[in-house]
N, C-alpha and C. Protein backbone atom coordinates (compact mmCIF):
# COMPACT_ATOMS: atom_id res chain seq x y z
N UNK A 1 36.99 213.79 47.11
CA UNK A 1 35.44 214.08 46.96
C UNK A 1 35.11 214.65 45.95
N UNK A 2 33.70 214.02 45.32
CA UNK A 2 33.16 214.00 44.11
C UNK A 2 32.68 215.54 43.95
N UNK A 3 32.71 215.89 42.75
CA UNK A 3 32.00 217.25 42.57
C UNK A 3 30.53 217.30 42.79
N UNK A 4 30.07 218.45 42.90
CA UNK A 4 28.28 218.39 43.53
C UNK A 4 28.02 219.36 42.23
N UNK A 5 28.92 220.01 40.75
CA UNK A 5 28.24 221.07 39.66
C UNK A 5 27.64 219.83 39.38
N UNK A 6 26.46 220.22 38.80
CA UNK A 6 25.20 219.16 38.19
C UNK A 6 26.27 218.96 36.69
N UNK A 7 26.71 219.64 36.27
CA UNK A 7 27.44 219.41 34.81
C UNK A 7 28.14 218.55 35.19
N UNK A 8 29.53 218.29 36.09
CA UNK A 8 30.18 217.14 36.26
C UNK A 8 29.36 216.27 36.94
N UNK A 9 28.67 216.33 37.62
CA UNK A 9 28.00 214.74 37.95
C UNK A 9 26.98 214.07 36.82
N UNK A 10 26.56 215.43 35.64
CA UNK A 10 25.86 214.58 34.52
C UNK A 10 27.39 213.59 33.82
N UNK A 11 28.29 214.46 33.91
CA UNK A 11 29.08 213.97 32.68
C UNK A 11 29.65 212.54 33.20
N UNK A 12 29.85 212.35 34.77
CA UNK A 12 30.73 211.60 35.04
C UNK A 12 29.66 210.19 35.16
N UNK A 13 28.20 210.44 35.27
CA UNK A 13 27.55 209.31 35.29
C UNK A 13 27.28 208.70 33.96
N UNK A 14 27.35 210.20 32.65
CA UNK A 14 27.06 209.58 31.55
C UNK A 14 28.64 208.55 31.00
N UNK A 15 29.86 209.26 31.60
CA UNK A 15 30.66 208.44 31.79
C UNK A 15 30.84 206.84 32.21
N UNK A 16 30.43 206.96 33.12
CA UNK A 16 30.14 205.24 33.67
C UNK A 16 29.33 204.69 33.22
N UNK A 17 28.12 205.20 32.48
CA UNK A 17 27.20 203.87 31.40
C UNK A 17 27.96 203.99 30.54
N UNK A 18 28.77 204.86 29.86
CA UNK A 18 29.32 204.55 28.53
C UNK A 18 30.44 203.30 29.01
N UNK A 19 30.99 203.76 30.01
CA UNK A 19 32.03 202.55 30.21
C UNK A 19 31.24 201.19 30.58
N UNK A 20 30.30 201.17 31.35
CA UNK A 20 29.38 199.71 31.34
C UNK A 20 29.09 199.11 30.41
N UNK A 21 28.70 200.14 29.55
CA UNK A 21 27.80 199.60 27.95
C UNK A 21 29.24 199.02 27.22
N UNK A 22 30.10 199.38 27.44
CA UNK A 22 31.18 198.77 26.55
C UNK A 22 31.62 197.50 27.23
N UNK A 23 31.64 197.72 28.39
CA UNK A 23 32.33 196.90 29.32
C UNK A 23 31.24 195.11 29.17
N UNK A 24 30.14 195.81 29.26
CA UNK A 24 29.11 194.33 29.00
C UNK A 24 29.18 193.76 27.61
N UNK A 25 28.80 194.89 26.60
CA UNK A 25 28.86 194.88 25.04
C UNK A 25 30.40 193.99 24.45
N UNK A 26 31.57 194.64 25.09
CA UNK A 26 32.56 194.19 23.91
C UNK A 26 33.91 193.26 25.17
N UNK A 27 33.55 193.83 26.68
CA UNK A 27 34.85 193.40 27.06
C UNK A 27 35.71 194.22 27.44
N UNK A 28 36.18 193.96 28.98
CA UNK A 28 37.53 195.01 29.30
C UNK A 28 38.23 196.14 28.36
N UNK A 29 38.54 195.51 26.94
CA UNK A 29 39.60 195.56 26.04
C UNK A 29 38.37 197.14 25.72
N UNK A 30 37.58 196.91 25.50
CA UNK A 30 36.84 198.12 24.96
C UNK A 30 36.71 199.59 25.33
N UNK A 31 36.77 199.52 27.33
CA UNK A 31 36.59 200.57 28.18
C UNK A 31 38.36 201.45 28.28
N UNK A 32 38.24 202.15 26.95
CA UNK A 32 39.26 202.99 26.95
C UNK A 32 38.92 204.90 26.81
N UNK A 33 39.52 205.20 27.11
CA UNK A 33 39.16 206.95 27.36
C UNK A 33 38.56 207.67 25.99
N UNK A 34 39.04 206.80 24.64
CA UNK A 34 38.67 207.56 23.77
C UNK A 34 37.05 207.08 23.15
N UNK A 35 37.09 205.30 23.43
CA UNK A 35 35.54 204.78 23.27
C UNK A 35 34.73 205.12 24.04
N UNK A 36 35.01 205.15 25.40
CA UNK A 36 34.15 206.09 26.30
C UNK A 36 33.67 207.36 25.82
N UNK A 37 34.53 208.20 25.81
CA UNK A 37 34.38 209.66 25.56
C UNK A 37 33.15 209.88 24.40
N UNK A 38 33.74 208.74 22.98
CA UNK A 38 32.87 208.80 22.18
C UNK A 38 31.13 208.46 22.45
N UNK A 39 31.42 207.35 23.18
CA UNK A 39 30.00 207.04 23.45
C UNK A 39 29.34 208.11 24.40
N UNK A 40 30.31 208.28 25.38
CA UNK A 40 29.20 209.04 26.31
C UNK A 40 28.77 210.58 25.91
N UNK A 41 29.56 210.92 24.38
CA UNK A 41 29.13 212.40 24.26
C UNK A 41 29.67 213.47 24.91
N UNK A 42 31.10 212.98 25.29
CA UNK A 42 32.13 213.82 26.10
C UNK A 42 33.46 214.07 25.21
N UNK A 43 34.10 215.07 25.65
CA UNK A 43 35.71 215.20 25.06
C UNK A 43 36.09 214.48 26.24
N UNK A 44 37.20 213.70 25.46
CA UNK A 44 38.12 212.75 25.91
C UNK A 44 39.44 213.64 27.14
N UNK A 45 39.52 215.00 27.53
CA UNK A 45 39.80 215.51 28.39
C UNK A 45 38.81 215.47 29.76
N UNK A 46 37.39 215.35 29.62
CA UNK A 46 36.55 214.96 30.45
C UNK A 46 36.67 214.03 31.39
N UNK A 47 36.97 213.03 30.24
CA UNK A 47 37.28 211.37 30.69
C UNK A 47 38.47 211.20 31.75
N UNK A 48 39.33 212.14 30.86
CA UNK A 48 40.78 211.74 31.66
C UNK A 48 41.02 212.86 33.03
N UNK A 49 40.14 213.94 33.21
CA UNK A 49 39.64 214.42 34.38
C UNK A 49 39.37 214.09 35.47
N UNK A 50 38.38 213.15 35.12
CA UNK A 50 37.51 211.97 36.13
C UNK A 50 38.48 210.97 36.57
N UNK A 51 38.88 210.12 35.72
CA UNK A 51 39.81 208.85 35.72
C UNK A 51 41.00 209.19 34.63
N UNK A 52 42.35 209.67 35.50
CA UNK A 52 43.52 210.24 34.77
C UNK A 52 44.13 208.61 34.34
N UNK A 53 43.48 207.45 34.98
CA UNK A 53 44.20 205.88 34.47
C UNK A 53 43.33 205.40 33.55
N UNK A 54 43.09 204.60 32.63
CA UNK A 54 42.19 203.49 32.06
C UNK A 54 41.80 202.87 33.15
N UNK A 55 42.54 202.04 33.59
CA UNK A 55 42.54 201.09 34.55
C UNK A 55 41.45 201.40 36.23
N UNK A 56 41.30 203.03 36.37
CA UNK A 56 40.66 203.39 37.40
C UNK A 56 39.22 203.40 36.95
N UNK A 57 39.21 203.54 35.58
CA UNK A 57 37.55 203.91 34.83
C UNK A 57 37.21 202.61 34.92
N UNK A 58 37.72 201.73 34.57
CA UNK A 58 37.24 200.09 34.21
C UNK A 58 37.01 199.50 35.37
N UNK A 59 37.96 199.81 36.66
CA UNK A 59 37.67 199.29 38.04
C UNK A 59 36.25 200.21 38.54
N UNK A 60 36.21 201.22 38.23
CA UNK A 60 35.19 201.55 38.33
C UNK A 60 33.61 201.16 37.89
N UNK A 61 33.80 201.20 36.45
CA UNK A 61 32.78 200.64 36.03
C UNK A 61 32.48 198.94 36.43
N UNK A 62 33.54 198.35 36.28
CA UNK A 62 33.27 196.55 36.80
C UNK A 62 32.91 196.47 38.04
N UNK A 63 32.84 197.56 39.14
CA UNK A 63 32.32 197.38 40.16
C UNK A 63 30.98 197.63 40.11
N UNK A 64 30.50 198.13 39.06
CA UNK A 64 28.68 198.58 39.26
C UNK A 64 28.28 197.57 38.21
N UNK A 65 29.03 196.27 37.58
CA UNK A 65 28.26 195.56 36.63
C UNK A 65 28.55 194.01 37.32
N UNK A 66 27.48 193.73 36.78
CA UNK A 66 27.52 192.06 37.34
C UNK A 66 28.55 191.18 36.68
N UNK A 67 29.37 190.50 37.29
CA UNK A 67 30.21 189.42 37.04
C UNK A 67 29.57 188.55 36.10
N UNK A 68 29.89 188.28 34.85
CA UNK A 68 29.15 187.29 33.82
C UNK A 68 29.55 186.45 33.81
N UNK A 69 30.72 186.00 34.55
CA UNK A 69 31.04 184.49 34.34
C UNK A 69 30.65 183.32 35.59
N UNK A 70 30.36 182.42 35.57
CA UNK A 70 29.84 181.71 36.30
C UNK A 70 29.07 181.43 36.94
N UNK A 71 28.05 182.69 36.45
CA UNK A 71 26.46 182.65 37.08
C UNK A 71 25.79 182.00 36.08
N UNK A 72 24.51 181.82 36.90
CA UNK A 72 23.48 180.59 36.70
C UNK A 72 24.17 179.34 36.18
N UNK A 73 24.11 178.79 37.00
CA UNK A 73 25.17 177.48 36.50
C UNK A 73 23.87 176.24 35.61
N UNK A 74 24.30 175.64 34.85
CA UNK A 74 23.66 174.98 34.08
C UNK A 74 24.10 173.59 34.18
N UNK A 75 23.28 172.39 33.99
CA UNK A 75 23.89 171.28 34.06
C UNK A 75 23.99 170.44 32.31
N UNK A 76 25.11 169.52 32.35
CA UNK A 76 26.04 169.49 33.14
C UNK A 76 26.94 169.92 33.56
N UNK A 77 27.18 170.64 34.81
CA UNK A 77 28.32 171.39 35.33
C UNK A 77 29.73 171.46 34.74
N UNK A 78 30.24 170.10 34.16
CA UNK A 78 31.28 170.42 33.59
C UNK A 78 31.31 171.29 32.41
N UNK A 79 30.17 170.80 31.84
CA UNK A 79 30.31 171.49 30.86
C UNK A 79 30.00 173.05 30.65
N UNK A 80 29.20 173.83 31.64
CA UNK A 80 29.09 175.05 31.95
C UNK A 80 30.12 175.49 32.73
N UNK A 81 30.94 174.72 33.24
CA UNK A 81 32.52 175.27 33.95
C UNK A 81 33.30 175.73 32.64
N UNK A 82 33.30 174.29 31.58
CA UNK A 82 34.26 174.35 30.40
C UNK A 82 33.81 175.91 29.85
N UNK A 83 32.36 176.16 29.28
CA UNK A 83 31.87 176.94 28.58
C UNK A 83 32.98 178.48 29.29
N UNK A 84 32.56 178.50 30.55
CA UNK A 84 32.89 180.03 31.20
C UNK A 84 34.51 180.14 31.03
N UNK A 85 35.45 178.68 31.31
CA UNK A 85 36.47 178.78 31.21
C UNK A 85 37.19 179.29 29.80
N UNK A 86 36.31 178.69 28.57
CA UNK A 86 36.59 179.45 27.37
C UNK A 86 36.49 180.82 27.18
N UNK A 87 35.29 181.48 27.42
CA UNK A 87 35.22 182.73 27.79
C UNK A 87 35.97 183.66 28.50
N UNK A 88 36.78 183.43 29.28
CA UNK A 88 37.82 183.74 30.17
C UNK A 88 39.05 183.64 29.77
N UNK A 89 39.49 182.67 28.62
CA UNK A 89 40.73 182.24 27.82
C UNK A 89 40.44 183.34 26.97
N UNK A 90 39.41 183.69 25.95
CA UNK A 90 39.60 184.14 25.34
C UNK A 90 39.47 185.72 25.38
N UNK A 91 38.91 186.22 26.62
CA UNK A 91 39.38 187.25 27.06
C UNK A 91 40.95 187.58 27.09
N UNK A 92 41.42 186.51 28.16
CA UNK A 92 42.93 186.68 28.38
C UNK A 92 43.75 186.60 27.06
N UNK A 93 43.00 186.91 25.87
CA UNK A 93 44.27 186.47 24.71
C UNK A 93 44.59 188.04 24.58
N UNK A 94 43.49 188.96 24.63
CA UNK A 94 43.77 190.08 24.65
C UNK A 94 45.17 191.10 25.58
N UNK A 95 45.77 191.90 24.97
CA UNK A 95 46.76 192.42 25.59
C UNK A 95 46.19 193.65 26.68
N UNK A 96 45.07 193.80 26.31
CA UNK A 96 44.58 194.95 26.86
C UNK A 96 43.77 194.67 28.67
N UNK A 97 43.22 193.18 28.09
CA UNK A 97 42.62 192.72 29.10
C UNK A 97 43.70 191.61 30.44
N UNK A 98 44.73 191.36 30.02
CA UNK A 98 45.56 190.82 30.45
C UNK A 98 46.67 192.11 31.37
N UNK A 99 46.74 193.71 31.24
CA UNK A 99 47.40 194.04 31.38
C UNK A 99 46.43 194.83 32.54
N UNK A 100 44.79 194.93 32.21
CA UNK A 100 44.18 195.29 33.25
C UNK A 100 44.07 194.31 34.27
N UNK A 101 43.87 193.35 34.36
CA UNK A 101 43.85 191.94 35.12
C UNK A 101 45.11 191.91 36.45
N UNK A 102 46.50 192.11 35.38
CA UNK A 102 47.61 192.47 36.40
C UNK A 102 47.55 193.75 37.17
N UNK A 103 47.36 195.10 36.63
CA UNK A 103 47.10 195.93 36.96
C UNK A 103 46.29 196.14 38.05
N UNK A 104 45.07 195.67 38.20
CA UNK A 104 43.97 195.53 39.13
C UNK A 104 44.48 194.52 40.11
N UNK A 105 45.05 193.63 40.07
CA UNK A 105 45.48 192.50 41.20
C UNK A 105 47.07 193.31 41.87
N UNK A 106 47.54 193.86 40.96
CA UNK A 106 48.94 194.65 42.11
C UNK A 106 48.55 195.85 42.65
N UNK A 107 47.55 196.54 42.08
CA UNK A 107 46.69 197.96 42.79
C UNK A 107 46.24 197.39 44.08
N UNK A 108 45.98 196.40 44.28
CA UNK A 108 44.93 195.98 45.46
C UNK A 108 45.82 195.60 46.65
N UNK A 109 47.33 195.74 46.23
CA UNK A 109 48.30 195.32 47.70
C UNK A 109 48.09 196.76 48.26
N UNK A 110 48.24 197.73 47.61
CA UNK A 110 47.92 199.15 47.74
C UNK A 110 46.91 199.89 48.20
N UNK A 111 45.87 199.48 47.45
CA UNK A 111 44.66 200.51 47.43
C UNK A 111 43.57 199.78 47.96
N UNK A 112 43.20 200.05 49.31
CA UNK A 112 42.20 199.42 49.90
C UNK A 112 40.38 199.14 48.98
N UNK A 113 40.50 200.28 48.32
CA UNK A 113 39.30 200.52 47.59
C UNK A 113 39.34 199.40 46.37
N UNK A 114 40.64 198.99 45.69
CA UNK A 114 40.78 197.95 44.47
C UNK A 114 40.90 196.82 45.37
N UNK A 115 41.22 196.53 46.48
CA UNK A 115 41.58 195.11 47.38
C UNK A 115 39.70 194.63 47.85
N UNK A 116 39.28 195.87 48.34
CA UNK A 116 37.85 195.34 48.03
C UNK A 116 37.06 194.74 46.85
N UNK A 117 37.31 195.38 45.80
CA UNK A 117 36.63 195.03 44.72
C UNK A 117 37.43 193.72 44.32
N UNK A 118 38.98 193.44 44.80
CA UNK A 118 38.91 192.45 44.28
C UNK A 118 38.70 190.93 45.30
N UNK A 119 38.10 191.45 46.64
CA UNK A 119 37.62 190.54 47.67
C UNK A 119 35.96 190.35 46.82
N UNK A 120 35.20 191.22 46.81
CA UNK A 120 34.00 190.61 46.19
C UNK A 120 34.15 189.96 44.87
N UNK A 121 35.10 189.94 44.01
CA UNK A 121 34.97 189.41 42.74
C UNK A 121 35.46 188.03 43.38
N UNK A 122 36.43 187.64 44.15
CA UNK A 122 36.93 186.50 44.40
C UNK A 122 35.49 185.82 45.30
N UNK A 123 35.30 186.77 45.88
CA UNK A 123 33.98 185.61 46.54
C UNK A 123 33.10 185.25 46.19
N UNK A 124 32.81 186.50 44.97
CA UNK A 124 31.49 185.80 44.18
C UNK A 124 32.23 184.43 42.92
N UNK A 125 33.11 184.61 42.43
CA UNK A 125 33.72 183.43 41.88
C UNK A 125 33.58 182.41 42.41
N UNK A 126 34.34 182.34 43.74
CA UNK A 126 34.54 181.40 44.29
C UNK A 126 33.09 180.48 44.78
N UNK A 127 32.32 181.63 45.63
CA UNK A 127 30.91 180.87 45.84
C UNK A 127 30.26 180.65 44.81
N UNK A 128 30.03 181.05 43.55
CA UNK A 128 29.18 180.48 42.50
C UNK A 128 29.99 178.89 41.96
N UNK A 129 31.10 178.81 41.99
CA UNK A 129 31.99 177.55 41.44
C UNK A 129 31.63 176.63 42.47
N UNK A 130 31.58 176.87 44.08
CA UNK A 130 31.84 175.89 45.01
C UNK A 130 30.28 175.49 44.81
N UNK A 131 29.14 175.91 45.00
CA UNK A 131 27.52 175.92 44.90
C UNK A 131 27.67 174.93 43.70
N UNK A 132 27.60 175.21 42.68
CA UNK A 132 27.56 174.25 41.55
C UNK A 132 28.14 172.96 41.51
N UNK A 133 29.36 172.91 42.36
CA UNK A 133 30.10 171.63 42.28
C UNK A 133 29.72 170.74 43.80
N UNK A 134 29.18 171.80 44.45
CA UNK A 134 28.19 170.95 45.34
C UNK A 134 27.08 169.97 45.05
N UNK A 135 26.50 170.91 44.17
CA UNK A 135 24.98 170.45 43.47
C UNK A 135 25.54 169.25 42.59
N UNK A 136 26.72 169.50 41.64
CA UNK A 136 27.07 168.36 40.85
C UNK A 136 27.39 166.92 41.45
N UNK A 137 28.38 167.30 42.68
CA UNK A 137 28.48 166.54 43.80
C UNK A 137 27.35 165.48 43.85
N UNK A 138 26.16 166.31 44.52
CA UNK A 138 25.21 165.72 45.16
C UNK A 138 24.33 164.83 44.09
N UNK A 139 24.18 165.26 43.00
CA UNK A 139 23.78 164.84 41.82
C UNK A 139 24.87 163.62 41.29
N UNK A 140 25.84 163.32 41.58
CA UNK A 140 26.31 162.24 41.18
C UNK A 140 27.40 162.48 40.07
N UNK A 141 27.08 163.88 39.29
CA UNK A 141 27.76 164.25 37.98
C UNK A 141 29.64 164.30 38.30
N UNK A 142 30.02 164.50 39.39
CA UNK A 142 31.32 164.35 39.97
C UNK A 142 31.59 164.09 41.23
N UNK A 143 33.04 163.18 41.49
CA UNK A 143 33.04 163.08 42.77
C UNK A 143 34.61 164.02 42.93
N UNK A 144 34.10 164.78 43.88
CA UNK A 144 35.45 166.21 43.80
C UNK A 144 36.86 165.30 44.43
N UNK A 145 37.68 165.92 44.40
CA UNK A 145 39.30 165.57 44.44
C UNK A 145 39.46 166.86 45.58
N UNK A 146 38.86 168.06 45.76
CA UNK A 146 39.20 169.34 46.24
C UNK A 146 38.18 169.84 46.94
N UNK A 147 38.71 170.42 47.84
CA UNK A 147 37.00 171.28 48.89
C UNK A 147 36.65 172.14 47.73
N UNK A 148 35.03 172.24 47.62
CA UNK A 148 34.77 173.28 46.41
C UNK A 148 35.05 174.72 47.00
N UNK A 149 35.33 174.87 47.84
CA UNK A 149 36.00 176.12 48.06
C UNK A 149 37.10 176.62 47.24
N UNK A 150 37.95 175.75 47.22
CA UNK A 150 39.41 175.87 46.67
C UNK A 150 39.24 175.60 44.68
N UNK A 151 38.26 175.59 44.69
CA UNK A 151 38.27 174.81 42.91
C UNK A 151 38.18 176.03 42.33
N UNK A 152 37.80 177.04 43.08
CA UNK A 152 38.03 178.38 41.92
C UNK A 152 39.44 178.60 41.56
N UNK A 153 40.45 178.54 42.83
CA UNK A 153 41.44 178.76 42.27
C UNK A 153 42.08 177.36 41.26
N UNK A 154 41.93 176.42 41.58
CA UNK A 154 42.17 175.39 40.63
C UNK A 154 41.91 175.61 39.16
N UNK A 155 40.76 175.96 38.90
CA UNK A 155 40.59 175.94 37.50
C UNK A 155 41.02 177.35 37.02
N UNK A 156 40.82 178.62 37.92
CA UNK A 156 41.24 179.50 37.29
C UNK A 156 42.86 180.03 37.47
N UNK A 157 43.64 179.55 38.54
CA UNK A 157 45.09 179.67 38.84
C UNK A 157 45.66 179.50 37.21
N UNK A 158 45.87 178.29 36.84
CA UNK A 158 46.02 177.87 35.66
C UNK A 158 46.11 178.97 34.52
N UNK A 159 44.72 179.52 33.96
CA UNK A 159 44.66 180.12 32.95
C UNK A 159 45.38 181.78 33.25
N UNK A 160 45.56 181.83 34.40
CA UNK A 160 45.83 183.35 35.24
C UNK A 160 47.43 183.04 34.33
N UNK A 161 47.69 181.81 35.09
CA UNK A 161 49.45 181.98 35.00
C UNK A 161 49.87 181.63 33.81
N UNK A 162 49.28 181.04 32.73
CA UNK A 162 49.21 180.95 31.32
C UNK A 162 49.20 182.10 30.86
N UNK A 163 48.10 182.88 30.72
CA UNK A 163 48.11 183.96 30.42
C UNK A 163 48.92 185.17 30.96
N UNK A 164 49.26 185.30 32.07
CA UNK A 164 49.94 186.31 32.20
C UNK A 164 51.43 186.45 32.44
N UNK A 165 51.90 185.41 33.04
CA UNK A 165 53.25 185.13 33.09
C UNK A 165 54.26 184.63 31.63
N UNK A 166 53.49 183.50 31.60
CA UNK A 166 53.88 183.02 30.12
C UNK A 166 53.55 183.46 29.03
N UNK A 167 52.38 184.80 29.09
CA UNK A 167 52.04 185.06 27.94
C UNK A 167 51.69 184.55 26.85
N UNK A 168 50.63 183.35 26.65
CA UNK A 168 50.60 182.64 25.92
C UNK A 168 49.20 182.06 25.75
N UNK A 169 48.60 181.47 25.22
CA UNK A 169 47.20 181.05 25.09
C UNK A 169 46.90 180.21 26.14
N UNK A 170 45.51 180.28 26.47
CA UNK A 170 45.34 179.30 27.32
C UNK A 170 44.48 178.09 26.68
N UNK A 171 45.44 176.91 26.64
CA UNK A 171 44.73 175.62 25.50
C UNK A 171 43.32 175.06 26.11
N UNK A 172 42.68 174.39 25.20
CA UNK A 172 41.75 173.34 25.36
C UNK A 172 42.06 172.40 26.42
N UNK A 173 43.42 171.94 26.31
CA UNK A 173 44.29 171.01 27.23
C UNK A 173 44.49 171.54 28.51
N UNK A 174 44.38 172.56 28.72
CA UNK A 174 44.66 173.27 30.20
C UNK A 174 43.67 173.42 30.73
N UNK A 175 42.50 173.56 30.13
CA UNK A 175 41.23 173.60 30.44
C UNK A 175 40.60 172.52 30.96
N UNK A 176 40.81 171.60 29.80
CA UNK A 176 40.71 169.73 30.33
C UNK A 176 41.23 169.49 31.74
N UNK A 177 42.52 169.87 31.57
CA UNK A 177 43.03 169.18 33.08
C UNK A 177 42.68 169.98 34.35
N UNK A 178 42.39 171.31 34.08
CA UNK A 178 42.20 171.80 35.24
C UNK A 178 40.67 171.36 35.61
N UNK A 179 40.08 171.18 34.64
CA UNK A 179 38.27 170.25 35.24
C UNK A 179 38.73 169.11 35.77
N UNK A 180 39.60 168.42 35.13
CA UNK A 180 40.14 166.86 35.91
C UNK A 180 40.71 167.25 36.87
N UNK A 181 41.29 168.18 37.54
CA UNK A 181 42.26 168.24 38.29
C UNK A 181 41.30 168.50 39.73
N UNK A 182 39.77 169.29 39.21
CA UNK A 182 38.93 169.28 40.71
C UNK A 182 37.73 168.11 40.70
N UNK A 183 38.02 167.09 39.78
CA UNK A 183 37.39 165.88 40.53
C UNK A 183 37.33 164.86 39.16
N UNK A 184 36.55 163.79 39.49
CA UNK A 184 36.38 163.02 38.76
C UNK A 184 35.04 162.70 38.10
N UNK A 185 35.29 163.05 36.67
CA UNK A 185 33.54 163.24 36.18
C UNK A 185 32.96 161.67 35.56
N UNK A 186 31.78 161.71 35.99
CA UNK A 186 31.09 160.95 35.74
C UNK A 186 30.66 160.77 34.14
N UNK A 187 31.01 159.87 33.24
CA UNK A 187 30.70 159.67 32.05
C UNK A 187 29.42 159.63 31.80
N UNK A 188 29.10 160.26 30.63
CA UNK A 188 27.82 160.25 29.92
C UNK A 188 27.21 161.72 30.90
N UNK A 189 27.54 162.16 32.40
CA UNK A 189 27.43 163.47 32.51
C UNK A 189 27.97 164.79 31.93
N UNK A 190 29.10 163.77 31.79
CA UNK A 190 30.71 165.35 31.48
C UNK A 190 30.29 165.41 29.98
N UNK A 191 29.90 166.62 28.90
CA UNK A 191 29.84 167.23 28.10
C UNK A 191 30.84 167.37 27.62
N UNK A 192 31.95 166.68 26.80
CA UNK A 192 33.11 167.15 26.81
C UNK A 192 33.27 167.91 25.41
């Protein structure tokens, strides 16, 4: 249970504000005990007291920050998907991001709170991609080969596998292959 001591409550909020700011500005790799303590104006021991593990702090900060990927689709949808996949690929090049992603996915197996966050993240990504692809299909930009609800797994699965299991960069060719696996894109609509 969280402390009701006003100093503890203030330091906890300052730490979370700092973590959210670092996450939004610099990505998950920036959410370290040292950087969060510096930004929040508290001692590192205070951060460790509230969140002994950096991935717990990151997880809580992530739960309070809007997920920036696959938000507000633009047309052509293929170009929008490609930009988002490239941004995720850039994040997955960072060892810290790969470590956090695998830790959070693994922790969700045993931790109901992490599992709820994982599910919310998965639902958001699946819904955003499915809605964009459904609209792109209606507009004639793509003839889908898959159910739009499965597209997130097809688009993101190869990138996650490449980055975490192979520990290799997500290449432009892999992104192109993932996009092509989702459907046949109409020439002139697909900005390569």
